[in-house]
């Protein structure tokens, strides 16, 4: 059953932060929600307060927080700690429902094979900038993370389904990023080229499910990259954004596979959006995904705009979650209002997933909204380009919304 009053608590998803230190002071509220019009999929929503202070206590310390009612993600950065161009940060994150898993197979959300996971982690990160004099920064990023997960049955989990063992994971990530994208939907410019590797090593692997029909791998290895460009035309304030993301993996399992679907910009540092699909509907060992959006103001004050967006890509499925067809596409339209100071931004949209499977037929529809409130919004619609960071993956308090 759905409880609207509890929904207003925004105990939905919150974030992890995975990028270089953000040089800008930020205070943002971000909300997002997708609702499928056919069937019932996993919860597709987030709600969090994002805070970044580049002069926390002293001028060489940066504090970043992403806060939701049941989850906290924090990182304390030390600028120039190892060298004038090398920063170090320590992170702490955790909360309820952070590691919950939703099984989606051939367009069906299977609650009997879905379950709850609570988790927490600590991390140490190193950020080295190669070109401190250039406007477009080039960063090397290295991160080591220790993550603990505790699983429990959800209200819909089948009695015969054996949960995976509670476990501790060790993650190592390294990569390069040229430029970046700020954690706001109103910045007029963004440019990014990024390539990463992540190794995931587990202390407690093994089989689980029905009669041990699925497995947690001892180790998984992910390789991915993204190119992104956002540009706003002056004086019309029409803008477009396009991105190409691709990834592959070794020894992927349900917990490490790439998961594509939905239309929410802040569910991940590298969101794999497919409009019209359930959130994380497709599980892939490898993929290539092209996304694009174009927006046009429709009133003299350029506060209202209409936009069209689309995503299309090739998917090599995880073995246990294969389905007919390897190409998926979705598209949608949206209506957005932005306040004169850009403090408020509210967007409503409709999306159609052309190749999504519903009841053994192709085609699915969804609606949704995005909301942003920026406490630090400037009075001018166009601000200078400052590459920043994006919140990373987020999980939700499904128990607070559905029974």
Protein backbone atom coordinates (compact mmCIF):
# COMPACT_ATOMS: atom_id res chain seq x y z
CA UNK A 1 0.00 0.00 0.00
CA UNK A 2 1.20 3.53 -0.80
CA UNK A 3 1.24 6.15 1.94
CA UNK A 4 1.29 9.72 0.50
CA UNK A 5 2.01 11.30 3.89
CA UNK A 6 5.12 9.19 4.35
CA UNK A 7 6.20 10.07 0.81
CA UNK A 8 6.44 13.68 1.94
CA UNK A 9 9.13 12.67 4.41
CA UNK A 10 11.40 12.15 1.40
CA UNK A 11 12.86 9.05 2.97
CA UNK A 12 13.47 7.76 -0.51
CA UNK A 13 17.03 7.67 -1.71
CA UNK A 14 20.18 9.45 -0.81
CA UNK A 15 23.57 9.75 -2.27
CA UNK A 16 27.19 8.81 -2.31
CA UNK A 17 29.77 11.31 -3.50
CA UNK A 18 32.40 10.10 -5.94
CA UNK A 19 34.40 12.83 -7.66
CA UNK A 20 37.11 15.44 -7.11
CA UNK A 21 36.77 18.13 -4.45
CA UNK A 22 34.13 20.70 -5.38
CA UNK A 23 35.53 24.28 -5.36
CA UNK A 24 32.10 25.95 -5.09
CA UNK A 25 29.95 26.57 -2.03
CA UNK A 26 26.66 24.75 -2.59
CA UNK A 27 23.41 24.17 -0.73
CA UNK A 28 20.85 22.29 -2.79
CA UNK A 29 17.65 20.34 -2.34
CA UNK A 30 17.07 17.73 -5.05
CA UNK A 31 13.91 15.68 -5.57
CA UNK A 32 13.07 13.28 -8.36
CA UNK A 33 10.37 10.69 -9.02
CA UNK A 34 9.34 8.33 -11.83
CA UNK A 35 5.98 6.55 -11.92
CA UNK A 36 5.36 3.70 -14.36
CA UNK A 37 1.94 3.65 -16.04
CA UNK A 38 2.03 -0.11 -16.68
CA UNK A 39 2.77 -2.65 -14.02
CA UNK A 40 4.70 -1.99 -10.85
CA UNK A 41 8.44 -1.50 -10.85
CA UNK A 42 11.05 -0.75 -8.19
CA UNK A 43 10.83 2.59 -6.47
CA UNK A 44 12.33 5.28 -8.69
CA UNK A 45 12.85 8.36 -6.54
CA UNK A 46 15.32 10.39 -4.53
CA UNK A 47 15.20 13.25 -2.08
CA UNK A 48 18.25 14.77 -0.40
CA UNK A 49 19.96 17.92 0.82
CA UNK A 50 23.40 18.52 -0.67
CA UNK A 51 25.93 20.72 1.11
CA UNK A 52 29.45 21.65 0.04
CA UNK A 53 31.71 24.05 1.94
CA UNK A 54 35.19 24.57 0.37
CA UNK A 55 36.36 26.59 3.40
CA UNK A 56 35.26 24.35 6.23
CA UNK A 57 37.12 25.32 9.42
CA UNK A 58 40.20 26.33 7.37
CA UNK A 59 40.78 27.33 3.76
CA UNK A 60 42.35 23.99 2.88
CA UNK A 61 39.45 21.80 4.08
CA UNK A 62 36.29 20.93 2.15
CA UNK A 63 33.22 19.31 3.70
CA UNK A 64 30.60 17.64 1.51
CA UNK A 65 27.36 16.15 2.77
CA UNK A 66 24.37 14.46 1.17
CA UNK A 67 21.64 14.04 3.76
CA UNK A 68 18.34 12.16 3.64
CA UNK A 69 16.20 11.11 6.63
CA UNK A 70 17.67 7.59 6.75
CA UNK A 71 21.05 8.01 5.07
CA UNK A 72 24.15 10.18 5.31
CA UNK A 73 27.09 10.45 2.94
CA UNK A 74 29.97 12.68 4.06
CA UNK A 75 33.46 13.43 2.83
CA UNK A 76 36.11 15.65 4.39
CA UNK A 77 38.75 16.80 1.92
CA UNK A 78 42.20 18.24 2.54
CA UNK A 79 43.40 20.43 -0.34
CA UNK A 80 47.09 20.17 -1.21
CA UNK A 81 47.79 17.64 1.54
CA UNK A 82 50.36 15.52 -0.38
CA UNK A 83 51.49 18.19 -2.85
CA UNK A 84 50.20 21.54 -4.11
CA UNK A 85 48.11 19.69 -6.73
CA UNK A 86 47.18 16.54 -4.78
CA UNK A 87 44.17 16.44 -2.46
CA UNK A 88 43.18 13.71 -0.01
CA UNK A 89 39.71 12.99 1.36
CA UNK A 90 38.20 10.61 3.89
CA UNK A 91 34.58 9.54 3.61
CA UNK A 92 31.90 7.97 5.76
CA UNK A 93 28.50 6.84 4.47
CA UNK A 94 25.69 4.58 5.51
CA UNK A 95 22.10 4.09 6.52
CA UNK A 96 19.01 2.01 6.15
CA UNK A 97 18.02 0.35 2.86
CA UNK A 98 21.24 1.49 1.20
CA UNK A 99 22.00 -1.94 -0.32
CA UNK A 100 18.51 -3.21 -1.11
CA UNK A 101 18.17 -5.29 -4.27
CA UNK A 102 15.21 -5.38 -6.67
CA UNK A 103 14.92 -8.29 -9.13
CA UNK A 104 13.56 -7.26 -12.56
CA UNK A 105 13.32 -9.96 -15.23
CA UNK A 106 11.76 -9.59 -18.70
CA UNK A 107 9.93 -6.45 -17.61
CA UNK A 108 8.58 -7.95 -14.37
CA UNK A 109 9.48 -6.69 -10.92
CA UNK A 110 9.68 -9.87 -8.84
CA UNK A 111 9.15 -9.02 -5.17
CA UNK A 112 9.61 -12.63 -4.06
CA UNK A 113 13.27 -12.45 -5.19
CA UNK A 114 13.90 -8.90 -3.94
CA UNK A 115 15.20 -8.09 -0.47
CA UNK A 116 16.42 -5.36 1.85
CA UNK A 117 20.04 -4.46 2.51
CA UNK A 118 21.44 -2.00 5.04
CA UNK A 119 24.99 -0.78 4.63
CA UNK A 120 27.79 1.52 5.59
CA UNK A 121 31.28 2.31 4.35
CA UNK A 122 34.48 4.23 4.91
CA UNK A 123 36.75 5.46 2.13
CA UNK A 124 40.03 7.20 1.41
CA UNK A 125 40.43 9.12 -1.85
CA UNK A 126 43.29 10.79 -3.65
CA UNK A 127 42.72 13.50 -6.28
CA UNK A 128 45.66 14.74 -8.34
CA UNK A 129 45.29 17.62 -10.81
CA UNK A 130 47.72 17.60 -13.73
CA UNK A 131 47.00 21.10 -15.10
CA UNK A 132 46.35 23.59 -12.28
CA UNK A 133 46.73 26.60 -14.60
CA UNK A 134 44.11 25.45 -17.14
CA UNK A 135 40.44 26.29 -16.94
CA UNK A 136 39.40 22.74 -17.83
CA UNK A 137 40.93 20.49 -15.14
CA UNK A 138 42.39 17.03 -15.72
CA UNK A 139 42.20 14.83 -12.63
CA UNK A 140 43.54 11.42 -11.66
CA UNK A 141 41.31 9.79 -9.03
CA UNK A 142 42.15 6.83 -6.78
CA UNK A 143 39.78 5.56 -4.09
CA UNK A 144 39.79 2.64 -1.62
CA UNK A 145 36.53 1.72 0.13
CA UNK A 146 35.51 -0.78 2.80
CA UNK A 147 31.78 -1.51 2.66
CA UNK A 148 29.68 -3.62 5.05
CA UNK A 149 26.25 -4.97 4.06
CA UNK A 150 23.59 -6.67 6.17
CA UNK A 151 20.67 -8.32 4.35
CA UNK A 152 17.16 -9.09 5.55
CA UNK A 153 13.90 -10.23 4.01
CA UNK A 154 11.46 -7.64 2.76
CA UNK A 155 7.73 -7.98 3.32
CA UNK A 156 7.33 -9.53 -0.15
CA UNK A 157 10.38 -11.83 -0.13
CA UNK A 158 9.46 -15.47 -0.77
CA UNK A 159 9.82 -17.72 2.29
CA UNK A 160 11.83 -20.23 0.26
CA UNK A 161 14.30 -17.64 -1.03
CA UNK A 162 17.67 -17.84 0.77
CA UNK A 163 19.32 -14.43 1.19
CA UNK A 164 22.98 -13.85 0.38
CA UNK A 165 25.32 -13.83 3.36
CA UNK A 166 26.08 -10.57 5.11
CA UNK A 167 29.43 -9.46 3.81
CA UNK A 168 32.26 -6.96 3.71
CA UNK A 169 33.39 -5.66 0.32
CA UNK A 170 36.66 -3.96 -0.58
CA UNK A 171 36.46 -1.63 -3.59
CA UNK A 172 39.35 -0.01 -5.44
CA UNK A 173 38.60 2.62 -8.09
CA UNK A 174 41.02 4.51 -10.31
CA UNK A 175 40.58 6.69 -13.35
CA UNK A 176 40.89 10.02 -15.11
CA UNK A 177 38.40 12.83 -15.56
CA UNK A 178 38.77 15.85 -17.85
CA UNK A 179 36.29 18.55 -16.86
CA UNK A 180 33.12 17.50 -15.10
CA UNK A 181 29.50 18.36 -14.39
CA UNK A 182 28.20 20.26 -11.37
CA UNK A 183 25.51 18.67 -9.13
CA UNK A 184 22.84 21.08 -10.36
CA UNK A 185 20.37 21.02 -13.24
CA UNK A 186 20.62 24.76 -13.96
CA UNK A 187 24.32 25.16 -14.78
CA UNK A 188 24.49 26.27 -18.43
CA UNK A 189 27.72 24.51 -19.44
CA UNK A 190 29.41 21.18 -18.82
CA UNK A 191 32.13 19.19 -20.54
CA UNK A 192 33.52 15.85 -19.44
CA UNK A 193 35.68 12.99 -20.65
CA UNK A 194 36.15 10.24 -18.08
CA UNK A 195 37.46 6.66 -17.91
CA UNK A 196 37.45 4.43 -14.80
CA UNK A 197 38.22 0.97 -13.47
CA UNK A 198 36.72 -0.47 -10.30
CA UNK A 199 37.58 -3.76 -8.61
CA UNK A 200 35.17 -5.24 -6.06
CA UNK A 201 36.46 -7.94 -3.69
CA UNK A 202 34.15 -9.76 -1.27
CA UNK A 203 34.90 -11.60 1.96
CA UNK A 204 31.68 -13.67 1.90
CA UNK A 205 30.61 -14.79 -1.55
CA UNK A 206 28.82 -18.03 -2.49
CA UNK A 207 25.36 -19.09 -3.61
CA UNK A 208 21.91 -17.90 -2.59
CA UNK A 209 18.34 -17.77 -3.94
CA UNK A 210 16.13 -20.78 -4.67
CA UNK A 211 18.21 -23.96 -4.21
CA UNK A 212 21.39 -21.87 -4.65
CA UNK A 213 20.45 -20.92 -8.22
CA UNK A 214 22.46 -17.65 -8.21
CA UNK A 215 25.86 -16.58 -6.94
CA UNK A 216 27.77 -13.71 -5.40
CA UNK A 217 31.18 -13.64 -7.12
CA UNK A 218 34.42 -13.47 -5.13
CA UNK A 219 35.53 -10.51 -7.22
CA UNK A 220 34.13 -8.36 -10.03
CA UNK A 221 35.92 -5.89 -12.30
CA UNK A 222 34.25 -2.96 -14.07
CA UNK A 223 35.62 -0.73 -16.86
CA UNK A 224 33.64 2.25 -18.14
CA UNK A 225 33.89 5.70 -19.64
CA UNK A 226 31.75 8.71 -20.54
CA UNK A 227 31.87 11.74 -22.78
CA UNK A 228 29.40 14.56 -21.99
CA UNK A 229 28.66 18.01 -23.37
CA UNK A 230 26.08 20.58 -22.25
CA UNK A 231 25.87 23.94 -24.00
CA UNK A 232 23.51 26.94 -23.69
CA UNK A 233 23.03 29.40 -26.54
CA UNK A 234 22.97 33.15 -25.80
CA UNK A 235 20.69 35.09 -25.90
CA UNK A 236 17.99 32.53 -26.74
CA UNK A 237 18.85 30.29 -23.73
CA UNK A 238 18.11 27.21 -25.77
CA UNK A 239 20.36 24.41 -24.59
CA UNK A 240 21.30 20.85 -25.35
CA UNK A 241 23.05 18.04 -23.53
CA UNK A 242 24.42 14.84 -24.98
CA UNK A 243 26.43 12.00 -23.50
CA UNK A 244 27.90 8.68 -24.60
CA UNK A 245 28.58 6.12 -21.87
CA UNK A 246 30.00 2.63 -22.35
CA UNK A 247 31.18 -0.11 -20.01
CA UNK A 248 32.21 -3.72 -19.77
CA UNK A 249 32.99 -6.10 -16.91
CA UNK A 250 34.58 -9.36 -15.75
CA UNK A 251 32.84 -11.74 -13.31
CA UNK A 252 29.80 -9.50 -12.98
CA UNK A 253 26.93 -10.63 -10.74
CA UNK A 254 23.61 -9.10 -9.76
CA UNK A 255 25.32 -6.72 -7.32
CA UNK A 256 28.01 -5.45 -9.68
CA UNK A 257 26.25 -5.49 -13.08
CA UNK A 258 25.46 -2.23 -14.85
CA UNK A 259 21.77 -1.43 -14.40
CA UNK A 260 19.99 0.72 -16.99
CA UNK A 261 16.56 2.29 -16.87
CA UNK A 262 14.50 5.24 -15.66
CA UNK A 263 14.98 8.98 -16.08
CA UNK A 264 16.55 10.47 -12.95
CA UNK A 265 19.71 12.60 -13.20
CA UNK A 266 21.07 12.17 -9.66
CA UNK A 267 20.70 8.46 -8.96
CA UNK A 268 24.33 7.97 -9.97
CA UNK A 269 27.55 9.75 -10.76
CA UNK A 270 27.09 8.14 -14.17
CA UNK A 271 23.29 7.76 -14.53
CA UNK A 272 22.30 5.12 -17.11
CA UNK A 273 18.99 6.66 -18.12
CA UNK A 274 16.53 4.94 -20.45
CA UNK A 275 13.28 6.98 -20.54
CA UNK A 276 10.06 5.03 -20.04
CA UNK A 277 11.73 1.99 -18.45
CA UNK A 278 11.60 0.90 -14.83
CA UNK A 279 14.43 2.19 -12.67
CA UNK A 280 17.40 -0.17 -13.18
CA UNK A 281 15.25 -2.50 -15.29
CA UNK A 282 18.11 -3.98 -17.38
CA UNK A 283 21.17 -5.72 -15.90
CA UNK A 284 24.18 -5.79 -18.22
CA UNK A 285 27.70 -7.18 -18.32
CA UNK A 286 28.50 -4.67 -21.12
CA UNK A 287 26.61 -1.76 -22.67
CA UNK A 288 26.81 1.33 -24.85
CA UNK A 289 24.32 4.15 -24.15
CA UNK A 290 23.71 7.42 -26.01
CA UNK A 291 21.56 10.11 -24.33
CA UNK A 292 20.46 13.52 -25.55
CA UNK A 293 18.19 16.41 -24.55
CA UNK A 294 17.21 19.72 -26.18
CA UNK A 295 15.29 22.53 -24.45
CA UNK A 296 13.61 25.67 -25.86
CA UNK A 297 12.22 28.59 -23.77
CA UNK A 298 8.60 29.38 -24.69
CA UNK A 299 7.87 32.67 -22.86
CA UNK A 300 9.42 36.16 -23.17
CA UNK A 301 11.05 35.94 -19.72
CA UNK A 302 12.55 32.56 -20.58
CA UNK A 303 11.31 30.99 -17.37
CA UNK A 304 9.23 28.28 -19.06
CA UNK A 305 10.77 25.78 -21.44
CA UNK A 306 9.80 22.62 -23.27
CA UNK A 307 12.30 19.87 -23.88
CA UNK A 308 12.67 16.60 -25.73
CA UNK A 309 14.98 13.85 -24.49
CA UNK A 310 15.94 10.37 -25.60
CA UNK A 311 18.23 7.46 -24.86
CA UNK A 312 19.25 4.49 -26.97
CA UNK A 313 21.78 1.75 -26.45
CA UNK A 314 23.06 -1.80 -26.87
CA UNK A 315 22.99 -4.21 -23.94
CA UNK A 316 24.86 -7.49 -23.34
CA UNK A 317 22.75 -8.92 -20.51
CA UNK A 318 23.89 -10.61 -17.34
CA UNK A 319 23.48 -14.34 -18.02
CA UNK A 320 20.64 -14.94 -15.56
CA UNK A 321 18.67 -11.89 -16.73
CA UNK A 322 18.69 -12.22 -20.51
CA UNK A 323 15.69 -11.26 -22.62
CA UNK A 324 14.89 -11.03 -26.35
CA UNK A 325 16.56 -8.14 -28.17
CA UNK A 326 19.80 -6.36 -27.36
CA UNK A 327 18.85 -2.80 -28.39
CA UNK A 328 16.73 -0.51 -26.21
CA UNK A 329 15.42 3.01 -26.81
CA UNK A 330 13.22 5.52 -25.01
CA UNK A 331 12.15 9.14 -25.47
CA UNK A 332 10.09 11.78 -23.74
CA UNK A 333 8.95 15.38 -23.46
CA UNK A 334 9.05 17.74 -20.50
CA UNK A 335 7.82 21.12 -19.29
CA UNK A 336 10.09 23.07 -16.93
CA UNK A 337 9.72 26.26 -14.91
CA UNK A 338 12.77 28.07 -13.52
CA UNK A 339 12.53 31.08 -11.21
CA UNK A 340 14.20 34.36 -12.27
CA UNK A 341 17.12 33.77 -9.89
CA UNK A 342 17.35 30.06 -10.85
CA UNK A 343 16.75 29.19 -7.19
CA UNK A 344 13.71 27.08 -8.08
CA UNK A 345 13.48 24.59 -10.93
CA UNK A 346 10.49 22.28 -11.37
CA UNK A 347 10.09 19.89 -14.30
CA UNK A 348 7.24 17.54 -15.26
CA UNK A 349 7.76 14.93 -17.97
CA UNK A 350 6.30 11.98 -19.85
CA UNK A 351 8.46 9.18 -21.29
CA UNK A 352 7.94 6.12 -23.50
CA UNK A 353 10.21 3.07 -23.55
CA UNK A 354 9.91 1.64 -27.06
CA UNK A 355 11.53 -1.74 -26.39
CA UNK A 356 10.57 -2.30 -22.75
CA UNK A 357 8.73 -5.59 -22.23
CA UNK A 358 5.33 -5.43 -20.54
CA UNK A 359 3.05 -8.48 -20.53
CA UNK A 360 5.10 -10.03 -23.36
CA UNK A 361 4.59 -6.97 -25.57
CA UNK A 362 6.89 -4.05 -26.36
CA UNK A 363 6.25 -0.55 -25.07
CA UNK A 364 6.01 1.14 -21.67
CA UNK A 365 5.09 4.60 -20.38
CA UNK A 366 6.00 6.64 -17.34
CA UNK A 367 5.56 10.11 -15.88
CA UNK A 368 7.66 11.96 -13.36
CA UNK A 369 8.96 15.17 -11.93
CA UNK A 370 12.25 16.79 -10.94
CA UNK A 371 12.64 19.60 -8.41
CA UNK A 372 15.66 21.60 -7.37
CA UNK A 373 16.05 24.41 -4.89
CA UNK A 374 19.42 26.18 -4.86
CA UNK A 375 20.09 28.26 -1.74
CA UNK A 376 23.19 29.73 -3.40
CA UNK A 377 21.55 30.59 -6.74
CA UNK A 378 22.97 33.60 -8.52
CA UNK A 379 20.77 36.35 -9.93
CA UNK A 380 21.96 35.81 -13.49
CA UNK A 381 20.65 32.94 -15.60
CA UNK A 382 24.13 32.20 -16.97
CA UNK A 383 27.07 31.63 -14.66
CA UNK A 384 30.66 30.72 -15.42
CA UNK A 385 31.58 27.09 -16.00
CA UNK A 386 32.99 25.40 -12.93
CA UNK A 387 33.31 21.62 -13.23
CA UNK A 388 32.19 19.98 -10.04
CA UNK A 389 30.82 16.71 -8.80
CA UNK A 390 27.66 14.70 -8.92
CA UNK A 391 26.03 12.63 -6.21
CA UNK A 392 26.54 8.94 -6.79
CA UNK A 393 24.15 6.04 -6.44
CA UNK A 394 21.25 6.26 -4.06
CA UNK A 395 18.89 3.78 -2.47
CA UNK A 396 15.47 4.10 -0.94
CA UNK A 397 13.38 3.39 2.09
CA UNK A 398 10.99 1.06 0.32
CA UNK A 399 9.52 -0.10 3.62
CA UNK A 400 8.40 3.45 4.38
CA UNK A 401 6.44 3.71 1.13
CA UNK A 402 5.15 0.24 0.35
CA UNK A 403 3.93 -2.66 2.46
